[in-house]
């Protein structure tokens, strides 16, 4: 049984509730939270809090008047596209959708030409989805405007900001809480694990060895916080304040053999019983009830799924507000 623990002195972490935000970050682009410092993540979380407060109070947030945000999506999206388009409008800007396909790129479309031309159209930021990390790095190397990665194989940084804000909002803190992530060690896990340890949370990741998180991401995250990697879901969930899972088959169906591999990682009431009293469940959606989570858990009183969906709007607005100069 694979089991690796890594312990770090918690005294070195900053408490988000004692942090004074400046509402500014030094990074021009957002490809991965591995590039962001703890302070910059806190800035994003505080900006999300401000955006949500203004939304609830019906205050004017049209700080991007006259700004166009372009969406370059290489795969399908529902909630993220919806939150982006609504969020940009609430900030006073305009959203445009750019067609993207591998056929265009293979036919000779040039990354440098794309970003340089759209910046001359007055586009203030480019938000991408389903564009490989290697391609995004090439975009950033030549782009004069911010590039924001909403989803790719290496990470989902906007979702992680949304999730960390949801935890902070619900629990009143981040430092010292335990997050248990179960299932597939993909991009969502990479972003959330990285962000959580940088914010002082303890993390336990339980995944089948065939679907383990990239070892480089694990090693990097362990430089910041306490991190347990195991194949035992009950061990990961023990005393967890947050239990998190994600879709196993988004964009690709599981084989019968894979379904059997993932069965022990299904979040159900039995598994939740190992968590701390009052532990909350989280899932980024879309969810397959009866596969990675049972309906009584995801639709139960301790589920934060709807709060996550709501807060995605405010996290997106926060990132746009901080990145677009």
C-alpha atoms as a PDB file:
ATOM      1  CA  UNK A   1       0.000   0.000   0.000  1.00  0.00           C
ATOM      2  CA  UNK A   2       1.474   3.324  -1.103  1.00  0.00           C
ATOM      3  CA  UNK A   3       1.639   5.800   1.722  1.00  0.00           C
ATOM      4  CA  UNK A   4       3.797   8.894   1.895  1.00  0.00           C
ATOM      5  CA  UNK A   5       3.447  11.532   4.611  1.00  0.00           C
ATOM      6  CA  UNK A   6       5.260  14.817   4.746  1.00  0.00           C
ATOM      7  CA  UNK A   7       5.155  17.047   7.809  1.00  0.00           C
ATOM      8  CA  UNK A   8       6.100  20.715   7.975  1.00  0.00           C
ATOM      9  CA  UNK A   9       6.302  23.128  10.878  1.00  0.00           C
ATOM     10  CA  UNK A  10       2.999  25.024  10.794  1.00  0.00           C
ATOM     11  CA  UNK A  11       4.484  28.087  12.501  1.00  0.00           C
ATOM     12  CA  UNK A  12       5.804  29.369   9.185  1.00  0.00           C
ATOM     13  CA  UNK A  13       2.353  29.806   7.623  1.00  0.00           C
ATOM     14  CA  UNK A  14       0.413  33.017   7.397  1.00  0.00           C
ATOM     15  CA  UNK A  15      -3.139  33.162   8.669  1.00  0.00           C
ATOM     16  CA  UNK A  16      -5.435  34.576   5.989  1.00  0.00           C
ATOM     17  CA  UNK A  17      -7.493  36.302   8.679  1.00  0.00           C
ATOM     18  CA  UNK A  18      -4.429  38.276   9.795  1.00  0.00           C
ATOM     19  CA  UNK A  19      -3.409  39.207   6.270  1.00  0.00           C
ATOM     20  CA  UNK A  20      -3.928  42.764   5.015  1.00  0.00           C
ATOM     21  CA  UNK A  21      -4.636  42.739   1.268  1.00  0.00           C
ATOM     22  CA  UNK A  22      -3.241  45.314  -1.142  1.00  0.00           C
ATOM     23  CA  UNK A  23      -5.496  44.133  -3.985  1.00  0.00           C
ATOM     24  CA  UNK A  24      -2.659  43.639  -6.387  1.00  0.00           C
ATOM     25  CA  UNK A  25      -0.613  40.732  -7.709  1.00  0.00           C
ATOM     26  CA  UNK A  26       2.690  40.770  -9.546  1.00  0.00           C
ATOM     27  CA  UNK A  27       1.907  38.007 -12.028  1.00  0.00           C
ATOM     28  CA  UNK A  28       0.741  39.003 -15.467  1.00  0.00           C
ATOM     29  CA  UNK A  29      -0.776  35.633 -16.362  1.00  0.00           C
ATOM     30  CA  UNK A  30      -2.594  32.849 -14.524  1.00  0.00           C
ATOM     31  CA  UNK A  31      -1.551  29.443 -15.785  1.00  0.00           C
ATOM     32  CA  UNK A  32      -1.118  27.573 -12.512  1.00  0.00           C
ATOM     33  CA  UNK A  33      -1.255  28.266  -8.784  1.00  0.00           C
ATOM     34  CA  UNK A  34       2.201  26.720  -8.571  1.00  0.00           C
ATOM     35  CA  UNK A  35       3.429  30.057  -9.946  1.00  0.00           C
ATOM     36  CA  UNK A  36       1.622  32.066  -7.260  1.00  0.00           C
ATOM     37  CA  UNK A  37       2.841  32.883  -3.773  1.00  0.00           C
ATOM     38  CA  UNK A  38       0.688  32.484  -0.678  1.00  0.00           C
ATOM     39  CA  UNK A  39       0.262  36.264  -0.594  1.00  0.00           C
ATOM     40  CA  UNK A  40      -0.991  36.345  -4.182  1.00  0.00           C
ATOM     41  CA  UNK A  41      -3.499  33.578  -3.472  1.00  0.00           C
ATOM     42  CA  UNK A  42      -4.702  35.552  -0.459  1.00  0.00           C
ATOM     43  CA  UNK A  43      -5.076  38.628  -2.698  1.00  0.00           C
ATOM     44  CA  UNK A  44      -7.312  36.609  -5.027  1.00  0.00           C
ATOM     45  CA  UNK A  45      -9.374  35.321  -2.110  1.00  0.00           C
ATOM     46  CA  UNK A  46      -9.860  38.763  -0.611  1.00  0.00           C
ATOM     47  CA  UNK A  47     -10.785  40.174  -4.013  1.00  0.00           C
ATOM     48  CA  UNK A  48     -13.337  37.360  -4.369  1.00  0.00           C
ATOM     49  CA  UNK A  49     -14.779  38.332  -0.996  1.00  0.00           C
ATOM     50  CA  UNK A  50     -15.101  41.949  -2.123  1.00  0.00           C
ATOM     51  CA  UNK A  51     -16.738  40.969  -5.398  1.00  0.00           C
ATOM     52  CA  UNK A  52     -19.275  38.769  -3.654  1.00  0.00           C
ATOM     53  CA  UNK A  53     -20.037  41.465  -1.082  1.00  0.00           C
ATOM     54  CA  UNK A  54     -20.665  44.021  -3.804  1.00  0.00           C
ATOM     55  CA  UNK A  55     -22.835  41.540  -5.719  1.00  0.00           C
ATOM     56  CA  UNK A  56     -24.991  40.861  -2.664  1.00  0.00           C
ATOM     57  CA  UNK A  57     -25.285  44.590  -1.910  1.00  0.00           C
ATOM     58  CA  UNK A  58     -26.102  45.363  -5.572  1.00  0.00           C
ATOM     59  CA  UNK A  59     -23.154  47.757  -5.740  1.00  0.00           C
ATOM     60  CA  UNK A  60     -21.671  48.903  -9.029  1.00  0.00           C
ATOM     61  CA  UNK A  61     -18.637  46.838 -10.084  1.00  0.00           C
ATOM     62  CA  UNK A  62     -18.256  48.122 -13.633  1.00  0.00           C
ATOM     63  CA  UNK A  63     -14.495  48.511 -13.394  1.00  0.00           C
ATOM     64  CA  UNK A  64     -13.840  47.045 -16.847  1.00  0.00           C
ATOM     65  CA  UNK A  65     -15.930  49.469 -18.890  1.00  0.00           C
ATOM     66  CA  UNK A  66     -14.851  49.288 -22.519  1.00  0.00           C
ATOM     67  CA  UNK A  67     -12.726  46.161 -21.986  1.00  0.00           C
ATOM     68  CA  UNK A  68     -13.215  43.074 -24.130  1.00  0.00           C
ATOM     69  CA  UNK A  69     -12.368  39.635 -22.751  1.00  0.00           C
ATOM     70  CA  UNK A  70     -11.839  36.909 -25.338  1.00  0.00           C
ATOM     71  CA  UNK A  71     -12.610  33.242 -24.682  1.00  0.00           C
ATOM     72  CA  UNK A  72     -10.554  30.663 -26.572  1.00  0.00           C
ATOM     73  CA  UNK A  73     -12.047  27.303 -25.618  1.00  0.00           C
ATOM     74  CA  UNK A  74     -10.706  24.047 -27.014  1.00  0.00           C
ATOM     75  CA  UNK A  75     -13.372  21.922 -25.333  1.00  0.00           C
ATOM     76  CA  UNK A  76     -16.923  22.187 -24.046  1.00  0.00           C
ATOM     77  CA  UNK A  77     -17.938  24.097 -20.936  1.00  0.00           C
ATOM     78  CA  UNK A  78     -21.165  25.020 -19.166  1.00  0.00           C
ATOM     79  CA  UNK A  79     -20.684  26.638 -15.734  1.00  0.00           C
ATOM     80  CA  UNK A  80     -17.274  28.172 -16.481  1.00  0.00           C
ATOM     81  CA  UNK A  81     -18.400  29.769 -19.746  1.00  0.00           C
ATOM     82  CA  UNK A  82     -21.616  30.971 -18.117  1.00  0.00           C
ATOM     83  CA  UNK A  83     -19.769  32.456 -15.122  1.00  0.00           C
ATOM     84  CA  UNK A  84     -17.217  34.125 -17.391  1.00  0.00           C
ATOM     85  CA  UNK A  85     -19.748  35.717 -19.700  1.00  0.00           C
ATOM     86  CA  UNK A  86     -21.968  36.917 -16.851  1.00  0.00           C
ATOM     87  CA  UNK A  87     -18.989  38.016 -14.758  1.00  0.00           C
ATOM     88  CA  UNK A  88     -17.441  40.095 -17.539  1.00  0.00           C
ATOM     89  CA  UNK A  89     -20.810  41.762 -18.150  1.00  0.00           C
ATOM     90  CA  UNK A  90     -21.178  42.549 -14.437  1.00  0.00           C
ATOM     91  CA  UNK A  91     -17.723  44.152 -14.554  1.00  0.00           C
ATOM     92  CA  UNK A  92     -18.900  46.333 -17.425  1.00  0.00           C
ATOM     93  CA  UNK A  93     -16.919  44.545 -20.110  1.00  0.00           C
ATOM     94  CA  UNK A  94     -17.781  42.550 -23.204  1.00  0.00           C
ATOM     95  CA  UNK A  95     -17.109  38.859 -23.870  1.00  0.00           C
ATOM     96  CA  UNK A  96     -16.315  37.448 -27.301  1.00  0.00           C
ATOM     97  CA  UNK A  97     -15.887  33.810 -28.237  1.00  0.00           C
ATOM     98  CA  UNK A  98     -12.997  32.904 -30.526  1.00  0.00           C
ATOM     99  CA  UNK A  99     -13.174  29.686 -32.557  1.00  0.00           C
ATOM    100  CA  UNK A 100     -10.361  27.263 -31.794  1.00  0.00           C
ATOM    101  CA  UNK A 101      -9.483  23.870 -33.184  1.00  0.00           C
ATOM    102  CA  UNK A 102      -6.401  21.754 -33.574  1.00  0.00           C
ATOM    103  CA  UNK A 103      -7.103  21.819 -37.297  1.00  0.00           C
ATOM    104  CA  UNK A 104      -6.519  25.585 -37.313  1.00  0.00           C
ATOM    105  CA  UNK A 105      -3.209  25.195 -35.490  1.00  0.00           C
ATOM    106  CA  UNK A 106      -2.091  22.316 -37.686  1.00  0.00           C
ATOM    107  CA  UNK A 107      -3.004  24.342 -40.772  1.00  0.00           C
ATOM    108  CA  UNK A 108      -0.455  26.978 -39.829  1.00  0.00           C
ATOM    109  CA  UNK A 109      -2.259  29.330 -37.429  1.00  0.00           C
ATOM    110  CA  UNK A 110       0.431  31.037 -35.361  1.00  0.00           C
ATOM    111  CA  UNK A 111       0.157  31.663 -31.622  1.00  0.00           C
ATOM    112  CA  UNK A 112       2.129  34.895 -31.798  1.00  0.00           C
ATOM    113  CA  UNK A 113      -0.113  36.225 -34.546  1.00  0.00           C
ATOM    114  CA  UNK A 114      -3.263  35.327 -32.620  1.00  0.00           C
ATOM    115  CA  UNK A 115      -2.401  37.185 -29.415  1.00  0.00           C
ATOM    116  CA  UNK A 116      -0.760  40.153 -31.119  1.00  0.00           C
ATOM    117  CA  UNK A 117      -3.714  40.749 -33.423  1.00  0.00           C
ATOM    118  CA  UNK A 118      -6.447  40.411 -30.796  1.00  0.00           C
ATOM    119  CA  UNK A 119      -4.597  42.769 -28.461  1.00  0.00           C
ATOM    120  CA  UNK A 120      -4.807  45.373 -31.253  1.00  0.00           C
ATOM    121  CA  UNK A 121      -8.562  44.828 -31.285  1.00  0.00           C
ATOM    122  CA  UNK A 122      -8.691  46.156 -27.730  1.00  0.00           C
ATOM    123  CA  UNK A 123      -8.925  42.755 -26.042  1.00  0.00           C
ATOM    124  CA  UNK A 124      -7.860  43.118 -22.411  1.00  0.00           C
ATOM    125  CA  UNK A 125      -7.421  39.433 -21.528  1.00  0.00           C
ATOM    126  CA  UNK A 126      -7.587  36.004 -23.104  1.00  0.00           C
ATOM    127  CA  UNK A 127      -9.221  33.175 -21.131  1.00  0.00           C
ATOM    128  CA  UNK A 128      -8.471  29.690 -22.431  1.00  0.00           C
ATOM    129  CA  UNK A 129      -9.823  26.204 -21.853  1.00  0.00           C
ATOM    130  CA  UNK A 130      -8.539  22.874 -23.099  1.00  0.00           C
ATOM    131  CA  UNK A 131      -5.330  24.407 -24.469  1.00  0.00           C
ATOM    132  CA  UNK A 132      -2.263  22.355 -23.523  1.00  0.00           C
ATOM    133  CA  UNK A 133       0.136  23.780 -20.980  1.00  0.00           C
ATOM    134  CA  UNK A 134       2.953  23.783 -23.502  1.00  0.00           C
ATOM    135  CA  UNK A 135       0.852  25.842 -25.896  1.00  0.00           C
ATOM    136  CA  UNK A 136      -0.176  28.227 -23.109  1.00  0.00           C
ATOM    137  CA  UNK A 137       3.442  28.837 -22.187  1.00  0.00           C
ATOM    138  CA  UNK A 138       4.032  29.763 -25.824  1.00  0.00           C
ATOM    139  CA  UNK A 139       1.061  32.144 -25.665  1.00  0.00           C
ATOM    140  CA  UNK A 140       2.415  33.815 -22.526  1.00  0.00           C
ATOM    141  CA  UNK A 141       5.901  34.204 -23.980  1.00  0.00           C
ATOM    142  CA  UNK A 142       4.601  36.562 -26.676  1.00  0.00           C
ATOM    143  CA  UNK A 143       1.403  38.010 -25.212  1.00  0.00           C
ATOM    144  CA  UNK A 144       1.065  41.627 -24.125  1.00  0.00           C
ATOM    145  CA  UNK A 145      -2.297  40.855 -22.510  1.00  0.00           C
ATOM    146  CA  UNK A 146      -3.038  38.540 -19.559  1.00  0.00           C
ATOM    147  CA  UNK A 147      -3.586  34.860 -20.359  1.00  0.00           C
ATOM    148  CA  UNK A 148      -5.871  33.028 -17.926  1.00  0.00           C
ATOM    149  CA  UNK A 149      -6.036  29.234 -17.963  1.00  0.00           C
ATOM    150  CA  UNK A 150      -9.526  28.138 -16.942  1.00  0.00           C
ATOM    151  CA  UNK A 151      -8.815  24.432 -17.499  1.00  0.00           C
ATOM    152  CA  UNK A 152      -6.147  22.216 -18.986  1.00  0.00           C
ATOM    153  CA  UNK A 153      -4.311  18.980 -18.219  1.00  0.00           C
ATOM    154  CA  UNK A 154      -2.025  20.664 -15.676  1.00  0.00           C
ATOM    155  CA  UNK A 155      -4.504  22.617 -13.626  1.00  0.00           C
ATOM    156  CA  UNK A 156      -7.715  24.532 -13.021  1.00  0.00           C
ATOM    157  CA  UNK A 157      -6.527  27.569 -11.030  1.00  0.00           C
ATOM    158  CA  UNK A 158      -9.801  29.519 -11.137  1.00  0.00           C
ATOM    159  CA  UNK A 159     -11.668  26.534  -9.677  1.00  0.00           C
ATOM    160  CA  UNK A 160      -9.103  26.217  -6.889  1.00  0.00           C
ATOM    161  CA  UNK A 161      -9.509  29.909  -5.975  1.00  0.00           C
ATOM    162  CA  UNK A 162     -13.278  29.426  -5.934  1.00  0.00           C
ATOM    163  CA  UNK A 163     -12.960  26.321  -3.733  1.00  0.00           C
ATOM    164  CA  UNK A 164     -10.520  27.891  -1.269  1.00  0.00           C
ATOM    165  CA  UNK A 165     -12.791  30.907  -0.936  1.00  0.00           C
ATOM    166  CA  UNK A 166     -15.782  28.618  -0.321  1.00  0.00           C
ATOM    167  CA  UNK A 167     -13.874  26.812   2.441  1.00  0.00           C
ATOM    168  CA  UNK A 168     -12.773  30.115   4.025  1.00  0.00           C
ATOM    169  CA  UNK A 169     -16.321  31.458   3.820  1.00  0.00           C
ATOM    170  CA  UNK A 170     -17.819  28.324   5.401  1.00  0.00           C
ATOM    171  CA  UNK A 171     -15.178  27.478   8.004  1.00  0.00           C
ATOM    172  CA  UNK A 172     -13.942  30.991   8.808  1.00  0.00           C
ATOM    173  CA  UNK A 173     -10.306  30.027   8.269  1.00  0.00           C
ATOM    174  CA  UNK A 174      -7.939  27.981   6.122  1.00  0.00           C
ATOM    175  CA  UNK A 175      -4.846  27.422   8.232  1.00  0.00           C
ATOM    176  CA  UNK A 176      -4.997  24.183  10.206  1.00  0.00           C
ATOM    177  CA  UNK A 177      -7.954  22.675   8.346  1.00  0.00           C
ATOM    178  CA  UNK A 178      -7.602  19.267   6.704  1.00  0.00           C
ATOM    179  CA  UNK A 179      -8.617  18.665   3.095  1.00  0.00           C
ATOM    180  CA  UNK A 180      -9.066  15.111   1.805  1.00  0.00           C
ATOM    181  CA  UNK A 181      -9.100  14.745  -1.975  1.00  0.00           C
ATOM    182  CA  UNK A 182     -10.294  11.386  -3.334  1.00  0.00           C
ATOM    183  CA  UNK A 183     -10.282   9.833  -6.766  1.00  0.00           C
ATOM    184  CA  UNK A 184      -8.357  11.007  -9.785  1.00  0.00           C
ATOM    185  CA  UNK A 185      -5.098  12.904  -9.564  1.00  0.00           C
ATOM    186  CA  UNK A 186      -5.803  15.216 -12.497  1.00  0.00           C
ATOM    187  CA  UNK A 187      -5.681  18.959 -13.099  1.00  0.00           C
ATOM    188  CA  UNK A 188      -8.341  19.823 -10.527  1.00  0.00           C
ATOM    189  CA  UNK A 189      -6.493  17.921  -7.815  1.00  0.00           C
ATOM    190  CA  UNK A 190      -3.192  19.543  -8.818  1.00  0.00           C
ATOM    191  CA  UNK A 191      -4.552  23.082  -8.476  1.00  0.00           C
ATOM    192  CA  UNK A 192      -6.510  22.561  -5.269  1.00  0.00           C
ATOM    193  CA  UNK A 193      -3.742  20.635  -3.498  1.00  0.00           C
ATOM    194  CA  UNK A 194      -1.188  23.288  -4.446  1.00  0.00           C
ATOM    195  CA  UNK A 195      -3.383  26.153  -3.319  1.00  0.00           C
ATOM    196  CA  UNK A 196      -4.450  24.437  -0.100  1.00  0.00           C
ATOM    197  CA  UNK A 197      -0.962  23.697   1.193  1.00  0.00           C
ATOM    198  CA  UNK A 198       0.165  27.244   0.360  1.00  0.00           C
ATOM    199  CA  UNK A 199      -2.718  28.525   2.497  1.00  0.00           C
ATOM    200  CA  UNK A 200      -1.673  26.415   5.482  1.00  0.00           C
ATOM    201  CA  UNK A 201      -4.099  23.527   5.091  1.00  0.00           C
ATOM    202  CA  UNK A 202      -3.174  19.898   5.682  1.00  0.00           C
ATOM    203  CA  UNK A 203      -3.873  17.760   2.620  1.00  0.00           C
ATOM    204  CA  UNK A 204      -4.476  14.047   2.159  1.00  0.00           C
ATOM    205  CA  UNK A 205      -4.781  12.660  -1.351  1.00  0.00           C
ATOM    206  CA  UNK A 206      -6.180   9.168  -1.958  1.00  0.00           C
ATOM    207  CA  UNK A 207      -6.002   7.880  -5.519  1.00  0.00           C
ATOM    208  CA  UNK A 208      -5.447   4.552  -7.248  1.00  0.00           C
ATOM    209  CA  UNK A 209      -1.822   4.172  -8.294  1.00  0.00           C
ATOM    210  CA  UNK A 210      -2.911   4.081 -11.950  1.00  0.00           C
ATOM    211  CA  UNK A 211      -4.393   7.581 -11.536  1.00  0.00           C
ATOM    212  CA  UNK A 212      -1.919   9.122  -9.113  1.00  0.00           C
ATOM    213  CA  UNK A 213      -1.081  12.815  -9.094  1.00  0.00           C
ATOM    214  CA  UNK A 214       2.110  13.723 -10.945  1.00  0.00           C
ATOM    215  CA  UNK A 215       5.084  13.241  -8.626  1.00  0.00           C
ATOM    216  CA  UNK A 216       6.528  16.655  -9.562  1.00  0.00           C
ATOM    217  CA  UNK A 217       3.354  18.365  -8.336  1.00  0.00           C
ATOM    218  CA  UNK A 218       3.453  16.352  -5.124  1.00  0.00           C
ATOM    219  CA  UNK A 219       7.108  17.182  -4.491  1.00  0.00           C
ATOM    220  CA  UNK A 220       6.502  20.879  -5.152  1.00  0.00           C
ATOM    221  CA  UNK A 221       3.441  20.999  -2.881  1.00  0.00           C
ATOM    222  CA  UNK A 222       5.352  19.322  -0.065  1.00  0.00           C
ATOM    223  CA  UNK A 223       7.692  22.289   0.088  1.00  0.00           C
ATOM    224  CA  UNK A 224       4.794  24.285   1.509  1.00  0.00           C
ATOM    225  CA  UNK A 225       2.720  22.040   3.726  1.00  0.00           C
ATOM    226  CA  UNK A 226       1.724  18.749   5.296  1.00  0.00           C
ATOM    227  CA  UNK A 227       0.759  16.283   2.593  1.00  0.00           C
ATOM    228  CA  UNK A 228      -0.271  12.628   2.858  1.00  0.00           C
ATOM    229  CA  UNK A 229      -0.460  10.485  -0.292  1.00  0.00           C
ATOM    230  CA  UNK A 230      -2.170   7.120   0.070  1.00  0.00           C
ATOM    231  CA  UNK A 231      -4.239   4.532  -1.786  1.00  0.00           C
ATOM    232  CA  UNK A 232      -6.460   4.117   1.271  1.00  0.00           C
ATOM    233  CA  UNK A 233      -9.501   6.453   1.109  1.00  0.00           C
ATOM    234  CA  UNK A 234     -10.476   5.937   4.760  1.00  0.00           C
ATOM    235  CA  UNK A 235      -6.979   6.953   5.861  1.00  0.00           C
ATOM    236  CA  UNK A 236      -7.169  10.108   3.783  1.00  0.00           C
ATOM    237  CA  UNK A 237     -10.621  11.082   5.065  1.00  0.00           C
ATOM    238  CA  UNK A 238      -9.810  10.489   8.739  1.00  0.00           C
ATOM    239  CA  UNK A 239     -10.517  13.730  10.684  1.00  0.00           C
ATOM    240  CA  UNK A 240     -10.846  15.732   7.457  1.00  0.00           C
ATOM    241  CA  UNK A 241     -12.778  19.003   7.596  1.00  0.00           C
ATOM    242  CA  UNK A 242     -13.381  18.961   3.838  1.00  0.00           C
ATOM    243  CA  UNK A 243     -13.893  15.865   1.679  1.00  0.00           C
ATOM    244  CA  UNK A 244     -13.504  16.579  -2.040  1.00  0.00           C
ATOM    245  CA  UNK A 245     -13.921  14.500  -5.161  1.00  0.00           C
ATOM    246  CA  UNK A 246     -14.304  15.183  -8.855  1.00  0.00           C
ATOM    247  CA  UNK A 247     -15.670  13.542 -11.982  1.00  0.00           C
ATOM    248  CA  UNK A 248     -13.798  10.457 -13.131  1.00  0.00           C
ATOM    249  CA  UNK A 249     -15.213  10.420 -16.631  1.00  0.00           C
ATOM    250  CA  UNK A 250     -15.558  14.041 -17.739  1.00  0.00           C
ATOM    251  CA  UNK A 251     -14.992  14.070 -21.540  1.00  0.00           C
ATOM    252  CA  UNK A 252     -14.151  10.346 -21.520  1.00  0.00           C
ATOM    253  CA  UNK A 253     -16.165   7.392 -20.290  1.00  0.00           C
ATOM    254  CA  UNK A 254     -14.739   4.957 -17.752  1.00  0.00           C
ATOM    255  CA  UNK A 255     -14.148   1.367 -18.776  1.00  0.00           C
ATOM    256  CA  UNK A 256     -15.656  -1.361 -16.627  1.00  0.00           C
ATOM    257  CA  UNK A 257     -12.196  -2.158 -15.270  1.00  0.00           C
ATOM    258  CA  UNK A 258     -11.687   1.504 -14.290  1.00  0.00           C
ATOM    259  CA  UNK A 259     -15.077   1.609 -12.580  1.00  0.00           C
ATOM    260  CA  UNK A 260     -13.954  -1.289 -10.381  1.00  0.00           C
ATOM    261  CA  UNK A 261     -10.686   0.481  -9.564  1.00  0.00           C
ATOM    262  CA  UNK A 262     -12.520   3.611  -8.434  1.00  0.00           C
ATOM    263  CA  UNK A 263     -15.290   1.898  -6.431  1.00  0.00           C
ATOM    264  CA  UNK A 264     -13.488   2.140  -3.060  1.00  0.00           C
ATOM    265  CA  UNK A 265     -13.022   5.893  -3.602  1.00  0.00           C
ATOM    266  CA  UNK A 266     -16.723   6.686  -3.926  1.00  0.00           C
ATOM    267  CA  UNK A 267     -17.690   9.294  -1.334  1.00  0.00           C
ATOM    268  CA  UNK A 268     -20.644   7.871   0.592  1.00  0.00           C
ATOM    269  CA  UNK A 269     -21.960   8.128   4.147  1.00  0.00           C
ATOM    270  CA  UNK A 270     -19.704   5.308   5.320  1.00  0.00           C
ATOM    271  CA  UNK A 271     -16.608   7.085   4.078  1.00  0.00           C
ATOM    272  CA  UNK A 272     -17.831  10.458   5.402  1.00  0.00           C
ATOM    273  CA  UNK A 273     -18.149   8.900   8.861  1.00  0.00           C
ATOM    274  CA  UNK A 274     -14.330   8.878   9.096  1.00  0.00           C
ATOM    275  CA  UNK A 275     -14.206  12.656   8.652  1.00  0.00           C
ATOM    276  CA  UNK A 276     -14.324  15.256  11.405  1.00  0.00           C
ATOM    277  CA  UNK A 277     -17.667  16.155  12.946  1.00  0.00           C
ATOM    278  CA  UNK A 278     -19.458  18.637  10.699  1.00  0.00           C
ATOM    279  CA  UNK A 279     -17.178  17.927   7.743  1.00  0.00           C
ATOM    280  CA  UNK A 280     -18.300  19.341   4.425  1.00  0.00           C
ATOM    281  CA  UNK A 281     -18.382  17.717   1.003  1.00  0.00           C
ATOM    282  CA  UNK A 282     -17.196  19.474  -2.167  1.00  0.00           C
ATOM    283  CA  UNK A 283     -17.308  18.696  -5.894  1.00  0.00           C
ATOM    284  CA  UNK A 284     -16.572  21.023  -8.821  1.00  0.00           C
ATOM    285  CA  UNK A 285     -19.315  19.534 -11.064  1.00  0.00           C
ATOM    286  CA  UNK A 286     -20.480  17.961 -13.283  1.00  0.00           C
ATOM    287  CA  UNK A 287     -21.092  15.042 -10.940  1.00  0.00           C
ATOM    288  CA  UNK A 288     -22.119  11.476 -11.674  1.00  0.00           C
ATOM    289  CA  UNK A 289     -24.310  10.503  -8.722  1.00  0.00           C
ATOM    290  CA  UNK A 290     -23.778   6.863  -7.895  1.00  0.00           C
ATOM    291  CA  UNK A 291     -20.261   6.858  -9.364  1.00  0.00           C
ATOM    292  CA  UNK A 292     -17.778   9.142  -7.556  1.00  0.00           C
ATOM    293  CA  UNK A 293     -20.350  10.245  -4.952  1.00  0.00           C
ATOM    294  CA  UNK A 294     -23.718   9.090  -3.713  1.00  0.00           C
ATOM    295  CA  UNK A 295     -26.772  11.308  -4.063  1.00  0.00           C
ATOM    296  CA  UNK A 296     -27.360  11.498  -0.310  1.00  0.00           C
ATOM    297  CA  UNK A 297     -23.908  13.038   0.185  1.00  0.00           C
ATOM    298  CA  UNK A 298     -23.799  15.520  -2.693  1.00  0.00           C
ATOM    299  CA  UNK A 299     -27.412  16.580  -2.092  1.00  0.00           C
ATOM    300  CA  UNK A 300     -27.119  16.456   1.698  1.00  0.00           C
ATOM    301  CA  UNK A 301     -26.933  19.282   4.234  1.00  0.00           C
ATOM    302  CA  UNK A 302     -23.122  19.208   4.460  1.00  0.00           C
ATOM    303  CA  UNK A 303     -22.595  19.604   0.722  1.00  0.00           C
ATOM    304  CA  UNK A 304     -21.072  22.900  -0.505  1.00  0.00           C
ATOM    305  CA  UNK A 305     -21.576  22.162  -4.189  1.00  0.00           C
ATOM    306  CA  UNK A 306     -24.049  24.974  -4.827  1.00  0.00           C
ATOM    307  CA  UNK A 307     -21.891  27.445  -2.907  1.00  0.00           C
ATOM    308  CA  UNK A 308     -18.934  26.439  -5.099  1.00  0.00           C
ATOM    309  CA  UNK A 309     -20.970  27.028  -8.226  1.00  0.00           C
ATOM    310  CA  UNK A 310     -22.079  30.425  -6.969  1.00  0.00           C
ATOM    311  CA  UNK A 311     -18.595  31.494  -5.892  1.00  0.00           C
ATOM    312  CA  UNK A 312     -17.064  30.616  -9.254  1.00  0.00           C
ATOM    313  CA  UNK A 313     -18.663  33.796 -10.617  1.00  0.00           C
ATOM    314  CA  UNK A 314     -17.021  35.967  -7.958  1.00  0.00           C
ATOM    315  CA  UNK A 315     -13.622  34.235  -8.177  1.00  0.00           C
ATOM    316  CA  UNK A 316     -13.557  34.815 -11.938  1.00  0.00           C
ATOM    317  CA  UNK A 317     -14.419  38.490 -11.487  1.00  0.00           C
ATOM    318  CA  UNK A 318     -11.683  38.810  -8.852  1.00  0.00           C
ATOM    319  CA  UNK A 319      -9.032  37.316 -11.151  1.00  0.00           C
ATOM    320  CA  UNK A 320     -10.057  39.551 -14.054  1.00  0.00           C
ATOM    321  CA  UNK A 321     -10.050  42.633 -11.844  1.00  0.00           C
ATOM    322  CA  UNK A 322      -6.551  41.928 -10.528  1.00  0.00           C
ATOM    323  CA  UNK A 323      -4.958  40.842 -13.809  1.00  0.00           C
ATOM    324  CA  UNK A 324      -6.359  43.352 -16.278  1.00  0.00           C
ATOM    325  CA  UNK A 325      -4.444  46.608 -15.881  1.00  0.00           C
END
